[in-house]
Amino acid sequence: GMFDQSSMANGAHYAPAAKNPFKATGLMCGNCIFFNAENNQCQIVAGAIEAEAICKLWVIPESLITE
C-alpha cells in the first residue's frame, strides 16, 4: 500500500511547503519522480501533496537541484 503523511512507521514524514527549508534548491515534491503535477498526487504517498512540500521518500533527479 501507500505511505501516509505521518511520522509514524507507515509515514513518509511529509512536511508542507511552509515547513520545507530546501525548496529554494529544488528539493521539493514537485521535482520528485513520484509526483503527478496534474492532480497534486504522489505515486507512493497518500493524500493531496503540495508541490513545494518535502518528505523522506523523495527521488529527485540531480539536474533539478540548484545549490
N, C-alpha and C. Protein backbone atom coordinates (compact mmCIF):
# COMPACT_ATOMS: atom_id res chain seq x y z
N GLY A 1 0.81 -1.18 0.00
CA GLY A 1 0.00 0.00 0.00
C GLY A 1 0.86 1.25 0.00
N MET A 2 0.19 2.35 0.05
CA MET A 2 0.88 3.64 0.03
C MET A 2 1.28 4.06 1.44
N PHE A 3 2.28 4.91 1.52
CA PHE A 3 2.66 5.51 2.79
C PHE A 3 1.66 6.61 3.11
N ASP A 4 1.48 6.91 4.40
CA ASP A 4 0.65 8.05 4.77
C ASP A 4 1.58 9.25 5.01
N GLN A 5 1.01 10.38 5.38
CA GLN A 5 1.80 11.60 5.52
C GLN A 5 2.35 11.80 6.94
N SER A 6 2.14 10.84 7.81
CA SER A 6 2.56 10.98 9.20
C SER A 6 4.05 10.71 9.40
N SER A 7 4.47 10.81 10.65
CA SER A 7 5.83 10.47 11.04
C SER A 7 5.88 9.11 11.74
N MET A 8 4.81 8.34 11.60
CA MET A 8 4.73 7.03 12.23
C MET A 8 5.42 5.99 11.34
N ALA A 9 5.32 4.73 11.69
CA ALA A 9 6.01 3.65 10.98
C ALA A 9 5.67 3.57 9.50
N ASN A 10 4.42 3.83 9.13
CA ASN A 10 4.00 3.80 7.73
C ASN A 10 3.96 5.18 7.09
N GLY A 11 4.61 6.13 7.74
CA GLY A 11 4.57 7.51 7.28
C GLY A 11 5.76 7.92 6.44
N ALA A 12 5.54 8.94 5.62
CA ALA A 12 6.58 9.48 4.75
C ALA A 12 7.27 10.70 5.36
N HIS A 13 6.88 11.08 6.57
CA HIS A 13 7.41 12.27 7.23
C HIS A 13 7.19 13.50 6.34
N TYR A 14 6.02 13.58 5.75
CA TYR A 14 5.64 14.68 4.87
C TYR A 14 5.57 15.98 5.67
N ALA A 15 6.13 17.04 5.11
CA ALA A 15 6.02 18.37 5.71
C ALA A 15 5.53 19.33 4.62
N PRO A 16 4.55 20.17 4.93
CA PRO A 16 4.01 21.08 3.93
C PRO A 16 5.04 22.11 3.45
N ALA A 17 4.71 22.78 2.37
CA ALA A 17 5.62 23.75 1.76
C ALA A 17 6.12 24.80 2.75
N ALA A 18 5.26 25.23 3.65
CA ALA A 18 5.65 26.26 4.62
C ALA A 18 6.77 25.80 5.55
N LYS A 19 6.96 24.49 5.66
CA LYS A 19 7.98 23.96 6.56
C LYS A 19 9.17 23.34 5.81
N ASN A 20 9.25 23.55 4.50
CA ASN A 20 10.34 22.98 3.71
C ASN A 20 11.47 24.00 3.56
N PRO A 21 12.58 23.82 4.28
CA PRO A 21 13.69 24.77 4.18
C PRO A 21 14.54 24.57 2.93
N PHE A 22 14.26 23.54 2.13
CA PHE A 22 15.10 23.21 0.99
C PHE A 22 14.49 23.57 -0.37
N LYS A 23 13.28 24.11 -0.39
CA LYS A 23 12.60 24.32 -1.67
C LYS A 23 13.35 25.26 -2.61
N ALA A 24 14.11 26.21 -2.08
CA ALA A 24 14.86 27.14 -2.94
C ALA A 24 15.94 26.43 -3.75
N THR A 25 16.36 25.26 -3.29
CA THR A 25 17.39 24.50 -4.01
C THR A 25 16.78 23.42 -4.90
N GLY A 26 15.46 23.35 -4.95
CA GLY A 26 14.80 22.37 -5.81
C GLY A 26 14.45 21.07 -5.11
N LEU A 27 14.76 20.96 -3.82
CA LEU A 27 14.44 19.75 -3.07
C LEU A 27 13.01 19.86 -2.56
N MET A 28 12.08 19.42 -3.41
CA MET A 28 10.67 19.53 -3.09
C MET A 28 9.88 18.48 -3.88
N CYS A 29 8.71 18.20 -3.41
CA CYS A 29 7.87 17.16 -4.02
C CYS A 29 7.63 17.38 -5.51
N GLY A 30 7.48 18.62 -5.94
CA GLY A 30 7.21 18.91 -7.34
C GLY A 30 8.30 18.43 -8.28
N ASN A 31 9.50 18.23 -7.77
CA ASN A 31 10.62 17.75 -8.59
C ASN A 31 10.86 16.25 -8.43
N CYS A 32 10.13 15.61 -7.55
CA CYS A 32 10.29 14.18 -7.30
C CYS A 32 9.70 13.36 -8.45
N ILE A 33 10.32 12.25 -8.77
CA ILE A 33 9.84 11.42 -9.87
C ILE A 33 8.48 10.78 -9.58
N PHE A 34 8.08 10.73 -8.32
CA PHE A 34 6.80 10.12 -7.94
C PHE A 34 5.63 11.11 -7.97
N PHE A 35 5.90 12.40 -8.17
CA PHE A 35 4.87 13.44 -8.10
C PHE A 35 4.16 13.60 -9.44
N ASN A 36 2.82 13.71 -9.38
CA ASN A 36 2.00 13.95 -10.57
C ASN A 36 1.40 15.35 -10.44
N ALA A 37 1.95 16.29 -11.19
CA ALA A 37 1.52 17.69 -11.09
C ALA A 37 0.09 17.92 -11.57
N GLU A 38 -0.42 17.05 -12.41
CA GLU A 38 -1.79 17.22 -12.94
C GLU A 38 -2.85 17.14 -11.85
N ASN A 39 -2.59 16.33 -10.82
CA ASN A 39 -3.59 16.19 -9.76
C ASN A 39 -3.02 16.34 -8.34
N ASN A 40 -1.80 16.85 -8.23
CA ASN A 40 -1.13 17.04 -6.93
C ASN A 40 -1.16 15.77 -6.09
N GLN A 41 -0.83 14.67 -6.74
CA GLN A 41 -0.79 13.38 -6.07
C GLN A 41 0.61 12.78 -6.20
N CYS A 42 0.93 11.90 -5.28
CA CYS A 42 2.19 11.17 -5.29
C CYS A 42 1.87 9.70 -5.55
N GLN A 43 2.74 9.02 -6.23
CA GLN A 43 2.54 7.60 -6.51
C GLN A 43 2.73 6.73 -5.28
N ILE A 44 3.45 7.22 -4.26
CA ILE A 44 3.74 6.39 -3.10
C ILE A 44 3.27 6.95 -1.76
N VAL A 45 2.82 8.23 -1.74
CA VAL A 45 2.33 8.85 -0.50
C VAL A 45 0.87 9.26 -0.72
N ALA A 46 -0.01 8.82 0.15
CA ALA A 46 -1.44 9.10 0.03
C ALA A 46 -1.78 10.55 0.37
N GLY A 47 -2.84 11.03 -0.23
CA GLY A 47 -3.36 12.36 0.08
C GLY A 47 -2.89 13.42 -0.88
N ALA A 48 -3.44 14.63 -0.70
CA ALA A 48 -3.03 15.76 -1.53
C ALA A 48 -1.61 16.17 -1.15
N ILE A 49 -0.79 16.44 -2.15
CA ILE A 49 0.61 16.77 -1.95
C ILE A 49 0.88 18.16 -2.51
N GLU A 50 1.49 19.03 -1.72
CA GLU A 50 1.87 20.35 -2.20
C GLU A 50 3.18 20.23 -2.99
N ALA A 51 3.26 20.88 -4.13
CA ALA A 51 4.45 20.79 -4.98
C ALA A 51 5.72 21.24 -4.27
N GLU A 52 5.63 22.20 -3.36
CA GLU A 52 6.82 22.70 -2.67
C GLU A 52 7.03 22.05 -1.30
N ALA A 53 6.29 20.99 -1.02
CA ALA A 53 6.44 20.26 0.24
C ALA A 53 7.67 19.36 0.19
N ILE A 54 7.84 18.55 1.23
CA ILE A 54 9.01 17.68 1.33
C ILE A 54 8.62 16.40 2.07
N CYS A 55 9.30 15.29 1.76
CA CYS A 55 9.14 14.07 2.53
C CYS A 55 10.43 13.26 2.47
N LYS A 56 10.54 12.25 3.28
CA LYS A 56 11.77 11.46 3.32
C LYS A 56 11.90 10.47 2.17
N LEU A 57 10.89 10.33 1.36
CA LEU A 57 10.90 9.34 0.28
C LEU A 57 11.19 9.95 -1.09
N TRP A 58 11.59 11.20 -1.14
CA TRP A 58 11.79 11.85 -2.42
C TRP A 58 12.90 11.20 -3.24
N VAL A 59 12.71 11.22 -4.53
CA VAL A 59 13.73 10.82 -5.50
C VAL A 59 13.74 11.94 -6.53
N ILE A 60 14.76 12.78 -6.44
CA ILE A 60 14.83 13.98 -7.28
C ILE A 60 16.04 13.89 -8.19
N PRO A 61 15.84 14.00 -9.50
CA PRO A 61 16.96 13.98 -10.43
C PRO A 61 17.95 15.11 -10.13
N GLU A 62 19.22 14.80 -10.18
CA GLU A 62 20.26 15.79 -9.87
C GLU A 62 20.14 17.04 -10.74
N SER A 63 19.67 16.90 -11.96
CA SER A 63 19.55 18.04 -12.86
C SER A 63 18.54 19.08 -12.38
N LEU A 64 17.67 18.71 -11.44
CA LEU A 64 16.65 19.63 -10.92
C LEU A 64 17.06 20.30 -9.61
N ILE A 65 18.27 20.02 -9.15
CA ILE A 65 18.74 20.57 -7.89
C ILE A 65 19.69 21.73 -8.17
N THR A 66 19.43 22.86 -7.54
CA THR A 66 20.30 24.03 -7.66
C THR A 66 20.86 24.35 -6.29
N GLU A 67 22.10 24.65 -6.24
CA GLU A 67 22.69 24.96 -4.92
C GLU A 67 23.41 26.27 -4.93
